[in-house]
């Protein structure tokens, strides 16, 4: 039995650590964000779905600002700029398709 946190951690930016599993066509990630940690605006060719397990995450997706709390999710289309700031300590799931080679 495999557990996601047994995978090698990847520090995305200071305060944000992800644990990733990769299939041929998608990447699945469990991510922890310290309170106040931020992901600067960026975009990528992968479609992304972010699902909040714990905490509050302030996301900007394109021109839309949204506050995500446990049980909420957002779909981020390919190529759309997005950023995030953790209002509290957060745990979330990120899924990407196609797979993210830069997270391997």
C-alpha atoms as a PDB file:
ATOM      1  CA  UNK A   1       0.000   0.000   0.000  1.00  0.00           C
ATOM      2  CA  UNK A   2       1.403   3.373  -1.024  1.00  0.00           C
ATOM      3  CA  UNK A   3       0.787   6.633   0.817  1.00  0.00           C
ATOM      4  CA  UNK A   4       1.265   9.993  -0.860  1.00  0.00           C
ATOM      5  CA  UNK A   5       3.430  11.426   1.933  1.00  0.00           C
ATOM      6  CA  UNK A   6       5.945   8.617   1.391  1.00  0.00           C
ATOM      7  CA  UNK A   7       6.755  10.266  -1.944  1.00  0.00           C
ATOM      8  CA  UNK A   8       9.643  12.711  -2.079  1.00  0.00           C
ATOM      9  CA  UNK A   9       8.414  16.185  -1.030  1.00  0.00           C
ATOM     10  CA  UNK A  10       8.721  19.043  -3.509  1.00  0.00           C
ATOM     11  CA  UNK A  11       8.974  22.604  -2.193  1.00  0.00           C
ATOM     12  CA  UNK A  12       6.950  24.602  -4.725  1.00  0.00           C
ATOM     13  CA  UNK A  13       7.859  27.932  -3.071  1.00  0.00           C
ATOM     14  CA  UNK A  14       8.821  28.623   0.554  1.00  0.00           C
ATOM     15  CA  UNK A  15       5.989  27.453   2.809  1.00  0.00           C
ATOM     16  CA  UNK A  16       4.335  25.248   0.188  1.00  0.00           C
ATOM     17  CA  UNK A  17       5.217  21.555  -0.026  1.00  0.00           C
ATOM     18  CA  UNK A  18       3.680  19.039  -2.402  1.00  0.00           C
ATOM     19  CA  UNK A  19       3.761  15.261  -2.617  1.00  0.00           C
ATOM     20  CA  UNK A  20       3.015  14.004  -6.117  1.00  0.00           C
ATOM     21  CA  UNK A  21       2.047  10.805  -7.905  1.00  0.00           C
ATOM     22  CA  UNK A  22       2.284  10.640 -11.694  1.00  0.00           C
ATOM     23  CA  UNK A  23       0.391   8.591 -14.196  1.00  0.00           C
ATOM     24  CA  UNK A  24       0.961   8.581 -17.915  1.00  0.00           C
ATOM     25  CA  UNK A  25      -1.625  11.333 -18.489  1.00  0.00           C
ATOM     26  CA  UNK A  26      -2.118  13.059 -15.139  1.00  0.00           C
ATOM     27  CA  UNK A  27      -0.463  14.221 -11.930  1.00  0.00           C
ATOM     28  CA  UNK A  28      -2.083  13.951  -8.485  1.00  0.00           C
ATOM     29  CA  UNK A  29      -0.778  16.052  -5.625  1.00  0.00           C
ATOM     30  CA  UNK A  30      -1.310  16.443  -1.891  1.00  0.00           C
ATOM     31  CA  UNK A  31      -0.157  19.926  -0.901  1.00  0.00           C
ATOM     32  CA  UNK A  32       0.388  21.636   2.460  1.00  0.00           C
ATOM     33  CA  UNK A  33       0.606  25.431   2.721  1.00  0.00           C
ATOM     34  CA  UNK A  34       1.746  27.318   5.794  1.00  0.00           C
ATOM     35  CA  UNK A  35      -0.380  30.295   6.823  1.00  0.00           C
ATOM     36  CA  UNK A  36       0.624  33.292   4.716  1.00  0.00           C
ATOM     37  CA  UNK A  37       2.410  31.242   2.044  1.00  0.00           C
ATOM     38  CA  UNK A  38       1.721  32.445  -1.476  1.00  0.00           C
ATOM     39  CA  UNK A  39       1.994  31.094  -4.976  1.00  0.00           C
ATOM     40  CA  UNK A  40       2.772  33.944  -7.379  1.00  0.00           C
ATOM     41  CA  UNK A  41       0.715  34.394 -10.528  1.00  0.00           C
ATOM     42  CA  UNK A  42       1.639  31.768 -13.096  1.00  0.00           C
ATOM     43  CA  UNK A  43       0.098  29.662 -15.828  1.00  0.00           C
ATOM     44  CA  UNK A  44       0.788  26.268 -17.359  1.00  0.00           C
ATOM     45  CA  UNK A  45      -0.527  24.107 -20.199  1.00  0.00           C
ATOM     46  CA  UNK A  46      -2.134  21.623 -17.791  1.00  0.00           C
ATOM     47  CA  UNK A  47      -5.745  21.882 -16.712  1.00  0.00           C
ATOM     48  CA  UNK A  48      -5.827  21.898 -12.897  1.00  0.00           C
ATOM     49  CA  UNK A  49      -8.419  21.057 -10.274  1.00  0.00           C
ATOM     50  CA  UNK A  50      -7.770  22.236  -6.710  1.00  0.00           C
ATOM     51  CA  UNK A  51      -9.802  20.717  -3.850  1.00  0.00           C
ATOM     52  CA  UNK A  52      -9.530  22.059  -0.291  1.00  0.00           C
ATOM     53  CA  UNK A  53      -9.238  19.510   2.531  1.00  0.00           C
ATOM     54  CA  UNK A  54      -8.436  21.915   5.381  1.00  0.00           C
ATOM     55  CA  UNK A  55      -7.991  25.672   5.817  1.00  0.00           C
ATOM     56  CA  UNK A  56      -8.839  28.773   3.790  1.00  0.00           C
ATOM     57  CA  UNK A  57      -7.190  29.592   0.481  1.00  0.00           C
ATOM     58  CA  UNK A  58      -7.580  32.911  -1.338  1.00  0.00           C
ATOM     59  CA  UNK A  59      -7.238  32.233  -5.077  1.00  0.00           C
ATOM     60  CA  UNK A  60      -7.171  34.526  -8.071  1.00  0.00           C
ATOM     61  CA  UNK A  61      -8.076  32.679 -11.273  1.00  0.00           C
ATOM     62  CA  UNK A  62      -7.918  34.952 -14.284  1.00  0.00           C
ATOM     63  CA  UNK A  63      -9.844  38.034 -13.112  1.00  0.00           C
ATOM     64  CA  UNK A  64     -11.917  36.115 -10.529  1.00  0.00           C
ATOM     65  CA  UNK A  65     -11.051  36.149  -6.831  1.00  0.00           C
ATOM     66  CA  UNK A  66     -12.441  33.286  -4.731  1.00  0.00           C
ATOM     67  CA  UNK A  67     -12.005  32.124  -1.164  1.00  0.00           C
ATOM     68  CA  UNK A  68     -11.944  28.346  -0.895  1.00  0.00           C
ATOM     69  CA  UNK A  69     -12.794  26.479   2.301  1.00  0.00           C
ATOM     70  CA  UNK A  70     -12.962  22.732   3.071  1.00  0.00           C
ATOM     71  CA  UNK A  71     -14.960  20.779   0.517  1.00  0.00           C
ATOM     72  CA  UNK A  72     -14.733  23.480  -2.160  1.00  0.00           C
ATOM     73  CA  UNK A  73     -12.895  23.122  -5.457  1.00  0.00           C
ATOM     74  CA  UNK A  74     -12.040  25.125  -8.539  1.00  0.00           C
ATOM     75  CA  UNK A  75     -11.204  24.095 -12.084  1.00  0.00           C
ATOM     76  CA  UNK A  76      -8.382  26.134 -13.587  1.00  0.00           C
ATOM     77  CA  UNK A  77      -8.367  25.901 -17.375  1.00  0.00           C
ATOM     78  CA  UNK A  78      -5.160  25.438 -19.325  1.00  0.00           C
ATOM     79  CA  UNK A  79      -3.181  28.636 -19.806  1.00  0.00           C
ATOM     80  CA  UNK A  80      -5.189  30.792 -17.366  1.00  0.00           C
ATOM     81  CA  UNK A  81      -3.075  32.872 -14.948  1.00  0.00           C
ATOM     82  CA  UNK A  82      -3.712  32.049 -11.289  1.00  0.00           C
ATOM     83  CA  UNK A  83      -2.241  32.694  -7.851  1.00  0.00           C
ATOM     84  CA  UNK A  84      -3.047  31.845  -4.231  1.00  0.00           C
ATOM     85  CA  UNK A  85      -2.426  32.935  -0.644  1.00  0.00           C
ATOM     86  CA  UNK A  86      -3.061  30.667   2.341  1.00  0.00           C
ATOM     87  CA  UNK A  87      -5.253  32.551   4.830  1.00  0.00           C
ATOM     88  CA  UNK A  88      -4.654  29.698   7.298  1.00  0.00           C
ATOM     89  CA  UNK A  89      -2.635  26.490   7.275  1.00  0.00           C
ATOM     90  CA  UNK A  90      -4.069  24.536   4.328  1.00  0.00           C
ATOM     91  CA  UNK A  91      -4.168  20.999   3.031  1.00  0.00           C
ATOM     92  CA  UNK A  92      -5.375  20.504  -0.508  1.00  0.00           C
ATOM     93  CA  UNK A  93      -5.391  18.206  -3.475  1.00  0.00           C
ATOM     94  CA  UNK A  94      -4.221  19.343  -6.909  1.00  0.00           C
ATOM     95  CA  UNK A  95      -4.852  17.269 -10.011  1.00  0.00           C
ATOM     96  CA  UNK A  96      -3.257  18.142 -13.351  1.00  0.00           C
ATOM     97  CA  UNK A  97      -3.846  16.839 -16.864  1.00  0.00           C
ATOM     98  CA  UNK A  98      -1.721  16.151 -18.775  1.00  0.00           C
ATOM     99  CA  UNK A  99       0.941  15.068 -16.283  1.00  0.00           C
ATOM    100  CA  UNK A 100       3.398  17.687 -14.984  1.00  0.00           C
ATOM    101  CA  UNK A 101       6.886  16.715 -16.027  1.00  0.00           C
ATOM    102  CA  UNK A 102       8.339  19.559 -13.960  1.00  0.00           C
ATOM    103  CA  UNK A 103       6.945  17.987 -10.757  1.00  0.00           C
ATOM    104  CA  UNK A 104       8.534  14.559 -11.309  1.00  0.00           C
END
